[in-house]
Structure formats: structure tokens, C-alpha cells
Amino acid sequence: MIKAIKQALIHWNNNYDKYHKMQHIYLVLTFGLTFLTGSFALLDSSIKQTSLFLVKILLGVFAVNALTMIISQAFLFDKIDQMTSKKSKK
């Protein structure tokens, strides 16, 4: 079991860039906190409200990061690649 987890983590580390890894971690934290929120709902309503607020913040951060990366890839990274390729040709 541990060997399979290590292999999965090595595969994940080799196949995804920093941005995608960060987004995966945000999603895992969000789903984990959502599960804990359901468990907390059985205990105390105020804890449930606080954890739901944290879930909303994590989803907001995920969405902002996704939009920022999409815009960056669409506009900035292409121009940077073009500028560096022109400089390397000279």
C-alpha cells in the first residue's frame, strides 16, 4: 500500500507543473474540509459555520488562482516565449 502511494506521488510530481499541483492541493483541502464540516455539523453549529466559511475561502482562492493562471497563459506566457525566441535567434 505504501509503495503504491509512493509511486502515485512520484507520478504526480513528474507529470504536473507547480500550478497544477497547487490547484490539486486546494481541491483536496476543500473536499477534506467539506467532509469535516459534515462531521462538525453533528457536534456544534458554530463550528460548522466557521468551517463552511473556510471552505468558501478555499474555493474562492482556487477560482482566483485558476482565472489568474488562465489569463497569464493566454496573454503573458505567449509573449514571453515570443520575446525569448526572438532574442535567441539574434
PDB file of N, CA and C in Angstrom:
ATOM      1  N   MET A   1       0.820  -1.199   0.000  1.00  0.00           N
ATOM      2  CA  MET A   1       0.000   0.000   0.000  1.00  0.00           C
ATOM      3  C   MET A   1       0.863   1.261   0.000  1.00  0.00           C
ATOM      4  N   ILE A   2       1.852   1.293   0.866  1.00  0.00           N
ATOM      5  CA  ILE A   2       2.739   2.459   0.937  1.00  0.00           C
ATOM      6  C   ILE A   2       3.521   2.605  -0.362  1.00  0.00           C
ATOM      7  N   LYS A   3       3.921   1.477  -0.941  1.00  0.00           N
ATOM      8  CA  LYS A   3       4.655   1.515  -2.205  1.00  0.00           C
ATOM      9  C   LYS A   3       3.786   2.112  -3.320  1.00  0.00           C
ATOM     10  N   ALA A   4       2.512   1.747  -3.338  1.00  0.00           N
ATOM     11  CA  ALA A   4       1.591   2.281  -4.350  1.00  0.00           C
ATOM     12  C   ALA A   4       1.391   3.784  -4.161  1.00  0.00           C
ATOM     13  N   ILE A   5       1.303   4.227  -2.920  1.00  0.00           N
ATOM     14  CA  ILE A   5       1.157   5.666  -2.650  1.00  0.00           C
ATOM     15  C   ILE A   5       2.409   6.414  -3.090  1.00  0.00           C
ATOM     16  N   LYS A   6       3.586   5.853  -2.801  1.00  0.00           N
ATOM     17  CA  LYS A   6       4.835   6.489  -3.231  1.00  0.00           C
ATOM     18  C   LYS A   6       4.901   6.601  -4.750  1.00  0.00           C
ATOM     19  N   GLN A   7       4.524   5.529  -5.438  1.00  0.00           N
ATOM     20  CA  GLN A   7       4.549   5.552  -6.906  1.00  0.00           C
ATOM     21  C   GLN A   7       3.556   6.569  -7.462  1.00  0.00           C
ATOM     22  N   ALA A   8       2.390   6.655  -6.835  1.00  0.00           N
ATOM     23  CA  ALA A   8       1.397   7.637  -7.284  1.00  0.00           C
ATOM     24  C   ALA A   8       1.906   9.055  -7.075  1.00  0.00           C
ATOM     25  N   LEU A   9       2.557   9.309  -5.941  1.00  0.00           N
ATOM     26  CA  LEU A   9       3.105  10.648  -5.680  1.00  0.00           C
ATOM     27  C   LEU A   9       4.256  10.979  -6.623  1.00  0.00           C
ATOM     28  N   ILE A  10       5.094  10.006  -6.923  1.00  0.00           N
ATOM     29  CA  ILE A  10       6.191  10.236  -7.878  1.00  0.00           C
ATOM     30  C   ILE A  10       5.620  10.539  -9.263  1.00  0.00           C
ATOM     31  N   HIS A  11       4.620   9.777  -9.674  1.00  0.00           N
ATOM     32  CA  HIS A  11       3.965  10.025 -10.964  1.00  0.00           C
ATOM     33  C   HIS A  11       3.343  11.414 -10.996  1.00  0.00           C
ATOM     34  N   TRP A  12       2.646  11.789  -9.923  1.00  0.00           N
ATOM     35  CA  TRP A  12       2.010  13.104  -9.822  1.00  0.00           C
ATOM     36  C   TRP A  12       3.066  14.202  -9.876  1.00  0.00           C
ATOM     37  N   ASN A  13       4.184  14.007  -9.176  1.00  0.00           N
ATOM     38  CA  ASN A  13       5.244  15.010  -9.143  1.00  0.00           C
ATOM     39  C   ASN A  13       5.898  15.187 -10.506  1.00  0.00           C
ATOM     40  N   ASN A  14       6.053  14.113 -11.240  1.00  0.00           N
ATOM     41  CA  ASN A  14       6.726  14.194 -12.543  1.00  0.00           C
ATOM     42  C   ASN A  14       5.828  14.714 -13.658  1.00  0.00           C
ATOM     43  N   ASN A  15       4.522  14.534 -13.535  1.00  0.00           N
ATOM     44  CA  ASN A  15       3.630  14.847 -14.650  1.00  0.00           C
ATOM     45  C   ASN A  15       2.902  16.180 -14.546  1.00  0.00           C
ATOM     46  N   TYR A  16       3.008  16.865 -13.444  1.00  0.00           N
ATOM     47  CA  TYR A  16       2.283  18.127 -13.294  1.00  0.00           C
ATOM     48  C   TYR A  16       3.240  19.246 -12.897  1.00  0.00           C
ATOM     49  N   ASP A  17       2.945  20.451 -13.380  1.00  0.00           N
ATOM     50  CA  ASP A  17       3.770  21.598 -13.014  1.00  0.00           C
ATOM     51  C   ASP A  17       3.295  22.165 -11.665  1.00  0.00           C
ATOM     52  N   LYS A  18       4.005  23.195 -11.203  1.00  0.00           N
ATOM     53  CA  LYS A  18       3.716  23.764  -9.887  1.00  0.00           C
ATOM     54  C   LYS A  18       2.290  24.285  -9.771  1.00  0.00           C
ATOM     55  N   TYR A  19       1.808  24.890 -10.836  1.00  0.00           N
ATOM     56  CA  TYR A  19       0.470  25.456 -10.804  1.00  0.00           C
ATOM     57  C   TYR A  19      -0.586  24.369 -10.601  1.00  0.00           C
ATOM     58  N   HIS A  20      -0.496  23.302 -11.370  1.00  0.00           N
ATOM     59  CA  HIS A  20      -1.488  22.234 -11.266  1.00  0.00           C
ATOM     60  C   HIS A  20      -1.396  21.521  -9.911  1.00  0.00           C
ATOM     61  N   LYS A  21      -0.189  21.372  -9.402  1.00  0.00           N
ATOM     62  CA  LYS A  21      -0.035  20.769  -8.077  1.00  0.00           C
ATOM     63  C   LYS A  21      -0.735  21.615  -7.020  1.00  0.00           C
ATOM     64  N   MET A  22      -0.544  22.930  -7.103  1.00  0.00           N
ATOM     65  CA  MET A  22      -1.172  23.834  -6.143  1.00  0.00           C
ATOM     66  C   MET A  22      -2.693  23.740  -6.237  1.00  0.00           C
ATOM     67  N   GLN A  23      -3.219  23.694  -7.438  1.00  0.00           N
ATOM     68  CA  GLN A  23      -4.662  23.594  -7.618  1.00  0.00           C
ATOM     69  C   GLN A  23      -5.192  22.261  -7.069  1.00  0.00           C
ATOM     70  N   HIS A  24      -4.445  21.184  -7.282  1.00  0.00           N
ATOM     71  CA  HIS A  24      -4.855  19.890  -6.736  1.00  0.00           C
ATOM     72  C   HIS A  24      -4.898  19.936  -5.208  1.00  0.00           C
ATOM     73  N   ILE A  25      -3.914  20.570  -4.615  1.00  0.00           N
ATOM     74  CA  ILE A  25      -3.880  20.664  -3.152  1.00  0.00           C
ATOM     75  C   ILE A  25      -5.057  21.484  -2.638  1.00  0.00           C
ATOM     76  N   TYR A  26      -5.388  22.587  -3.316  1.00  0.00           N
ATOM     77  CA  TYR A  26      -6.560  23.378  -2.908  1.00  0.00           C
ATOM     78  C   TYR A  26      -7.828  22.537  -2.964  1.00  0.00           C
ATOM     79  N   LEU A  27      -7.978  21.741  -4.015  1.00  0.00           N
ATOM     80  CA  LEU A  27      -9.179  20.913  -4.136  1.00  0.00           C
ATOM     81  C   LEU A  27      -9.229  19.829  -3.059  1.00  0.00           C
ATOM     82  N   VAL A  28      -8.097  19.198  -2.779  1.00  0.00           N
ATOM     83  CA  VAL A  28      -8.066  18.170  -1.737  1.00  0.00           C
ATOM     84  C   VAL A  28      -8.403  18.788  -0.380  1.00  0.00           C
ATOM     85  N   LEU A  29      -7.820  19.952  -0.086  1.00  0.00           N
ATOM     86  CA  LEU A  29      -8.142  20.626   1.175  1.00  0.00           C
ATOM     87  C   LEU A  29      -9.618  20.998   1.253  1.00  0.00           C
ATOM     88  N   THR A  30     -10.170  21.459   0.147  1.00  0.00           N
ATOM     89  CA  THR A  30     -11.583  21.843   0.136  1.00  0.00           C
ATOM     90  C   THR A  30     -12.485  20.644   0.387  1.00  0.00           C
ATOM     91  N   PHE A  31     -12.222  19.538  -0.307  1.00  0.00           N
ATOM     92  CA  PHE A  31     -13.053  18.351  -0.106  1.00  0.00           C
ATOM     93  C   PHE A  31     -12.874  17.773   1.299  1.00  0.00           C
ATOM     94  N   GLY A  32     -11.640  17.781   1.794  1.00  0.00           N
ATOM     95  CA  GLY A  32     -11.400  17.294   3.149  1.00  0.00           C
ATOM     96  C   GLY A  32     -12.109  18.141   4.187  1.00  0.00           C
ATOM     97  N   LEU A  33     -12.034  19.448   4.016  1.00  0.00           N
ATOM     98  CA  LEU A  33     -12.694  20.352   4.962  1.00  0.00           C
ATOM     99  C   LEU A  33     -14.212  20.253   4.847  1.00  0.00           C
ATOM    100  N   THR A  34     -14.709  20.002   3.647  1.00  0.00           N
ATOM    101  CA  THR A  34     -16.153  19.797   3.483  1.00  0.00           C
ATOM    102  C   THR A  34     -16.602  18.546   4.227  1.00  0.00           C
ATOM    103  N   PHE A  35     -15.818  17.480   4.151  1.00  0.00           N
ATOM    104  CA  PHE A  35     -16.126  16.259   4.893  1.00  0.00           C
ATOM    105  C   PHE A  35     -16.107  16.527   6.400  1.00  0.00           C
ATOM    106  N   LEU A  36     -15.090  17.249   6.868  1.00  0.00           N
ATOM    107  CA  LEU A  36     -15.019  17.579   8.292  1.00  0.00           C
ATOM    108  C   LEU A  36     -16.179  18.475   8.718  1.00  0.00           C
ATOM    109  N   THR A  37     -16.606  19.356   7.836  1.00  0.00           N
ATOM    110  CA  THR A  37     -17.741  20.228   8.147  1.00  0.00           C
ATOM    111  C   THR A  37     -18.999  19.404   8.398  1.00  0.00           C
ATOM    112  N   GLY A  38     -19.196  18.384   7.588  1.00  0.00           N
ATOM    113  CA  GLY A  38     -20.336  17.495   7.801  1.00  0.00           C
ATOM    114  C   GLY A  38     -20.255  16.790   9.149  1.00  0.00           C
ATOM    115  N   SER A  39     -19.045  16.399   9.517  1.00  0.00           N
ATOM    116  CA  SER A  39     -18.867  15.763  10.825  1.00  0.00           C
ATOM    117  C   SER A  39     -19.081  16.763  11.952  1.00  0.00           C
ATOM    118  N   PHE A  40     -18.590  17.988  11.773  1.00  0.00           N
ATOM    119  CA  PHE A  40     -18.760  19.021  12.803  1.00  0.00           C
ATOM    120  C   PHE A  40     -20.218  19.423  12.969  1.00  0.00           C
ATOM    121  N   ALA A  41     -20.986  19.298  11.909  1.00  0.00           N
ATOM    122  CA  ALA A  41     -22.396  19.689  11.968  1.00  0.00           C
ATOM    123  C   ALA A  41     -23.140  18.860  13.011  1.00  0.00           C
ATOM    124  N   LEU A  42     -22.670  17.646  13.227  1.00  0.00           N
ATOM    125  CA  LEU A  42     -23.297  16.798  14.233  1.00  0.00           C
ATOM    126  C   LEU A  42     -22.973  17.263  15.653  1.00  0.00           C
ATOM    127  N   LEU A  43     -21.858  17.968  15.810  1.00  0.00           N
ATOM    128  CA  LEU A  43     -21.416  18.366  17.143  1.00  0.00           C
ATOM    129  C   LEU A  43     -21.898  19.758  17.548  1.00  0.00           C
ATOM    130  N   ASP A  44     -21.576  20.735  16.696  1.00  0.00           N
ATOM    131  CA  ASP A  44     -21.852  22.120  17.086  1.00  0.00           C
ATOM    132  C   ASP A  44     -22.108  22.964  15.843  1.00  0.00           C
ATOM    133  N   SER A  45     -23.112  23.803  15.922  1.00  0.00           N
ATOM    134  CA  SER A  45     -23.487  24.632  14.777  1.00  0.00           C
ATOM    135  C   SER A  45     -22.472  25.735  14.503  1.00  0.00           C
ATOM    136  N   SER A  46     -21.873  26.299  15.537  1.00  0.00           N
ATOM    137  CA  SER A  46     -20.920  27.398  15.324  1.00  0.00           C
ATOM    138  C   SER A  46     -19.644  26.896  14.654  1.00  0.00           C
ATOM    139  N   ILE A  47     -19.218  25.687  15.011  1.00  0.00           N
ATOM    140  CA  ILE A  47     -18.035  25.113  14.350  1.00  0.00           C
ATOM    141  C   ILE A  47     -18.357  24.844  12.882  1.00  0.00           C
ATOM    142  N   LYS A  48     -19.561  24.400  12.621  1.00  0.00           N
ATOM    143  CA  LYS A  48     -19.985  24.137  11.243  1.00  0.00           C
ATOM    144  C   LYS A  48     -19.934  25.419  10.412  1.00  0.00           C
ATOM    145  N   GLN A  49     -20.432  26.506  10.967  1.00  0.00           N
ATOM    146  CA  GLN A  49     -20.443  27.779  10.239  1.00  0.00           C
ATOM    147  C   GLN A  49     -19.024  28.261   9.944  1.00  0.00           C
ATOM    148  N   THR A  50     -18.139  28.117  10.918  1.00  0.00           N
ATOM    149  CA  THR A  50     -16.748  28.535  10.722  1.00  0.00           C
ATOM    150  C   THR A  50     -16.070  27.698   9.646  1.00  0.00           C
ATOM    151  N   SER A  51     -16.265  26.386   9.688  1.00  0.00           N
ATOM    152  CA  SER A  51     -15.625  25.543   8.688  1.00  0.00           C
ATOM    153  C   SER A  51     -16.225  25.748   7.304  1.00  0.00           C
ATOM    154  N   LEU A  52     -17.513  26.036   7.221  1.00  0.00           N
ATOM    155  CA  LEU A  52     -18.107  26.363   5.921  1.00  0.00           C
ATOM    156  C   LEU A  52     -17.520  27.653   5.357  1.00  0.00           C
ATOM    157  N   PHE A  53     -17.267  28.613   6.227  1.00  0.00           N
ATOM    158  CA  PHE A  53     -16.632  29.856   5.805  1.00  0.00           C
ATOM    159  C   PHE A  53     -15.242  29.566   5.235  1.00  0.00           C
ATOM    160  N   LEU A  54     -14.490  28.671   5.890  1.00  0.00           N
ATOM    161  CA  LEU A  54     -13.158  28.313   5.394  1.00  0.00           C
ATOM    162  C   LEU A  54     -13.240  27.590   4.048  1.00  0.00           C
ATOM    163  N   VAL A  55     -14.256  26.754   3.875  1.00  0.00           N
ATOM    164  CA  VAL A  55     -14.452  26.070   2.590  1.00  0.00           C
ATOM    165  C   VAL A  55     -14.712  27.107   1.497  1.00  0.00           C
ATOM    166  N   LYS A  56     -15.536  28.090   1.790  1.00  0.00           N
ATOM    167  CA  LYS A  56     -15.817  29.135   0.802  1.00  0.00           C
ATOM    168  C   LYS A  56     -14.558  29.922   0.447  1.00  0.00           C
ATOM    169  N   ILE A  57     -13.730  30.195   1.442  1.00  0.00           N
ATOM    170  CA  ILE A  57     -12.471  30.903   1.175  1.00  0.00           C
ATOM    171  C   ILE A  57     -11.568  30.058   0.280  1.00  0.00           C
ATOM    172  N   LEU A  58     -11.435  28.765   0.583  1.00  0.00           N
ATOM    173  CA  LEU A  58     -10.599  27.886  -0.244  1.00  0.00           C
ATOM    174  C   LEU A  58     -11.118  27.805  -1.681  1.00  0.00           C
ATOM    175  N   LEU A  59     -12.419  27.715  -1.845  1.00  0.00           N
ATOM    176  CA  LEU A  59     -12.981  27.692  -3.205  1.00  0.00           C
ATOM    177  C   LEU A  59     -12.744  29.009  -3.929  1.00  0.00           C
ATOM    178  N   GLY A  60     -12.818  30.112  -3.200  1.00  0.00           N
ATOM    179  CA  GLY A  60     -12.536  31.411  -3.791  1.00  0.00           C
ATOM    180  C   GLY A  60     -11.086  31.531  -4.230  1.00  0.00           C
ATOM    181  N   VAL A  61     -10.171  31.062  -3.388  1.00  0.00           N
ATOM    182  CA  VAL A  61      -8.743  31.096  -3.733  1.00  0.00           C
ATOM    183  C   VAL A  61      -8.485  30.211  -4.948  1.00  0.00           C
ATOM    184  N   PHE A  62      -9.114  29.050  -4.984  1.00  0.00           N
ATOM    185  CA  PHE A  62      -8.976  28.152  -6.130  1.00  0.00           C
ATOM    186  C   PHE A  62      -9.440  28.842  -7.413  1.00  0.00           C
ATOM    187  N   ALA A  63     -10.593  29.482  -7.349  1.00  0.00           N
ATOM    188  CA  ALA A  63     -11.144  30.144  -8.537  1.00  0.00           C
ATOM    189  C   ALA A  63     -10.266  31.303  -8.988  1.00  0.00           C
ATOM    190  N   VAL A  64      -9.792  32.112  -8.051  1.00  0.00           N
ATOM    191  CA  VAL A  64      -8.928  33.248  -8.409  1.00  0.00           C
ATOM    192  C   VAL A  64      -7.623  32.752  -9.012  1.00  0.00           C
ATOM    193  N   ASN A  65      -7.022  31.715  -8.420  1.00  0.00           N
ATOM    194  CA  ASN A  65      -5.785  31.160  -8.976  1.00  0.00           C
ATOM    195  C   ASN A  65      -6.009  30.594 -10.376  1.00  0.00           C
ATOM    196  N   ALA A  66      -7.134  29.918 -10.566  1.00  0.00           N
ATOM    197  CA  ALA A  66      -7.419  29.353 -11.886  1.00  0.00           C
ATOM    198  C   ALA A  66      -7.566  30.456 -12.928  1.00  0.00           C
ATOM    199  N   LEU A  67      -8.326  31.492 -12.610  1.00  0.00           N
ATOM    200  CA  LEU A  67      -8.503  32.597 -13.561  1.00  0.00           C
ATOM    201  C   LEU A  67      -7.187  33.318 -13.828  1.00  0.00           C
ATOM    202  N   THR A  68      -6.409  33.543 -12.793  1.00  0.00           N
ATOM    203  CA  THR A  68      -5.122  34.216 -12.962  1.00  0.00           C
ATOM    204  C   THR A  68      -4.200  33.413 -13.863  1.00  0.00           C
ATOM    205  N   MET A  69      -4.148  32.118 -13.666  1.00  0.00           N
ATOM    206  CA  MET A  69      -3.272  31.292 -14.490  1.00  0.00           C
ATOM    207  C   MET A  69      -3.763  31.221 -15.929  1.00  0.00           C
ATOM    208  N   ILE A  70      -5.067  31.147 -16.127  1.00  0.00           N
ATOM    209  CA  ILE A  70      -5.609  31.112 -17.488  1.00  0.00           C
ATOM    210  C   ILE A  70      -5.272  32.400 -18.230  1.00  0.00           C
ATOM    211  N   ILE A  71      -5.452  33.530 -17.565  1.00  0.00           N
ATOM    212  CA  ILE A  71      -5.139  34.817 -18.193  1.00  0.00           C
ATOM    213  C   ILE A  71      -3.644  34.940 -18.448  1.00  0.00           C
ATOM    214  N   SER A  72      -2.837  34.507 -17.475  1.00  0.00           N
ATOM    215  CA  SER A  72      -1.383  34.574 -17.646  1.00  0.00           C
ATOM    216  C   SER A  72      -0.930  33.719 -18.811  1.00  0.00           C
ATOM    217  N   GLN A  73      -1.451  32.510 -18.907  1.00  0.00           N
ATOM    218  CA  GLN A  73      -1.058  31.638 -20.008  1.00  0.00           C
ATOM    219  C   GLN A  73      -1.520  32.192 -21.349  1.00  0.00           C
ATOM    220  N   ALA A  74      -2.673  32.801 -21.364  1.00  0.00           N
ATOM    221  CA  ALA A  74      -3.215  33.299 -22.629  1.00  0.00           C
ATOM    222  C   ALA A  74      -2.453  34.522 -23.138  1.00  0.00           C
ATOM    223  N   PHE A  75      -2.090  35.412 -22.244  1.00  0.00           N
ATOM    224  CA  PHE A  75      -1.514  36.675 -22.686  1.00  0.00           C
ATOM    225  C   PHE A  75      -0.019  36.812 -22.396  1.00  0.00           C
ATOM    226  N   LEU A  76       0.396  36.523 -21.197  1.00  0.00           N
ATOM    227  CA  LEU A  76       1.777  36.802 -20.818  1.00  0.00           C
ATOM    228  C   LEU A  76       2.762  35.746 -21.302  1.00  0.00           C
ATOM    229  N   PHE A  77       2.465  34.475 -21.070  1.00  0.00           N
ATOM    230  CA  PHE A  77       3.437  33.433 -21.375  1.00  0.00           C
ATOM    231  C   PHE A  77       3.733  33.338 -22.860  1.00  0.00           C
ATOM    232  N   ASP A  78       2.731  33.541 -23.704  1.00  0.00           N
ATOM    233  CA  ASP A  78       2.971  33.508 -25.145  1.00  0.00           C
ATOM    234  C   ASP A  78       3.893  34.651 -25.575  1.00  0.00           C
ATOM    235  N   LYS A  79       3.670  35.836 -25.010  1.00  0.00           N
ATOM    236  CA  LYS A  79       4.520  36.975 -25.366  1.00  0.00           C
ATOM    237  C   LYS A  79       5.939  36.780 -24.848  1.00  0.00           C
ATOM    238  N   ILE A  80       6.079  36.218 -23.663  1.00  0.00           N
ATOM    239  CA  ILE A  80       7.413  35.963 -23.120  1.00  0.00           C
ATOM    240  C   ILE A  80       8.137  34.947 -23.981  1.00  0.00           C
ATOM    241  N   ASP A  81       7.441  33.885 -24.407  1.00  0.00           N
ATOM    242  CA  ASP A  81       8.056  32.890 -25.285  1.00  0.00           C
ATOM    243  C   ASP A  81       8.474  33.504 -26.611  1.00  0.00           C
ATOM    244  N   GLN A  82       7.643  34.377 -27.160  1.00  0.00           N
ATOM    245  CA  GLN A  82       7.974  35.026 -28.425  1.00  0.00           C
ATOM    246  C   GLN A  82       9.181  35.936 -28.264  1.00  0.00           C
ATOM    247  N   MET A  83       9.239  36.677 -27.166  1.00  0.00           N
ATOM    248  CA  MET A  83      10.364  37.590 -26.940  1.00  0.00           C
ATOM    249  C   MET A  83      11.663  36.817 -26.737  1.00  0.00           C
ATOM    250  N   THR A  84      11.628  35.732 -26.006  1.00  0.00           N
ATOM    251  CA  THR A  84      12.852  34.956 -25.782  1.00  0.00           C
ATOM    252  C   THR A  84      13.293  34.227 -27.046  1.00  0.00           C
ATOM    253  N   SER A  85      12.350  33.804 -27.870  1.00  0.00           N
ATOM    254  CA  SER A  85      12.748  33.144 -29.118  1.00  0.00           C
ATOM    255  C   SER A  85      13.362  34.134 -30.096  1.00  0.00           C
ATOM    256  N   LYS A  86      12.878  35.381 -30.106  1.00  0.00           N
ATOM    257  CA  LYS A  86      13.467  36.406 -30.974  1.00  0.00           C
ATOM    258  C   LYS A  86      14.862  36.762 -30.518  1.00  0.00           C
ATOM    259  N   LYS A  87      15.077  36.839 -29.208  1.00  0.00           N
ATOM    260  CA  LYS A  87      16.405  37.164 -28.689  1.00  0.00           C
ATOM    261  C   LYS A  87      17.396  36.037 -28.944  1.00  0.00           C
ATOM    262  N   SER A  88      16.938  34.809 -28.879  1.00  0.00           N
ATOM    263  CA  SER A  88      17.850  33.690 -29.088  1.00  0.00           C
ATOM    264  C   SER A  88      18.223  33.544 -30.564  1.00  0.00           C
ATOM    265  N   LYS A  89      17.392  34.037 -31.490  1.00  0.00           N
ATOM    266  CA  LYS A  89      17.711  33.975 -32.911  1.00  0.00           C
ATOM    267  C   LYS A  89      18.779  34.981 -33.304  1.00  0.00           C
ATOM    268  N   LYS A  90      18.882  36.071 -32.549  1.00  0.00           N
ATOM    269  CA  LYS A  90      19.846  37.116 -32.896  1.00  0.00           C
ATOM    270  C   LYS A  90      21.234  36.713 -32.593  1.00  0.00           C
TER     271      LYS A  90
END
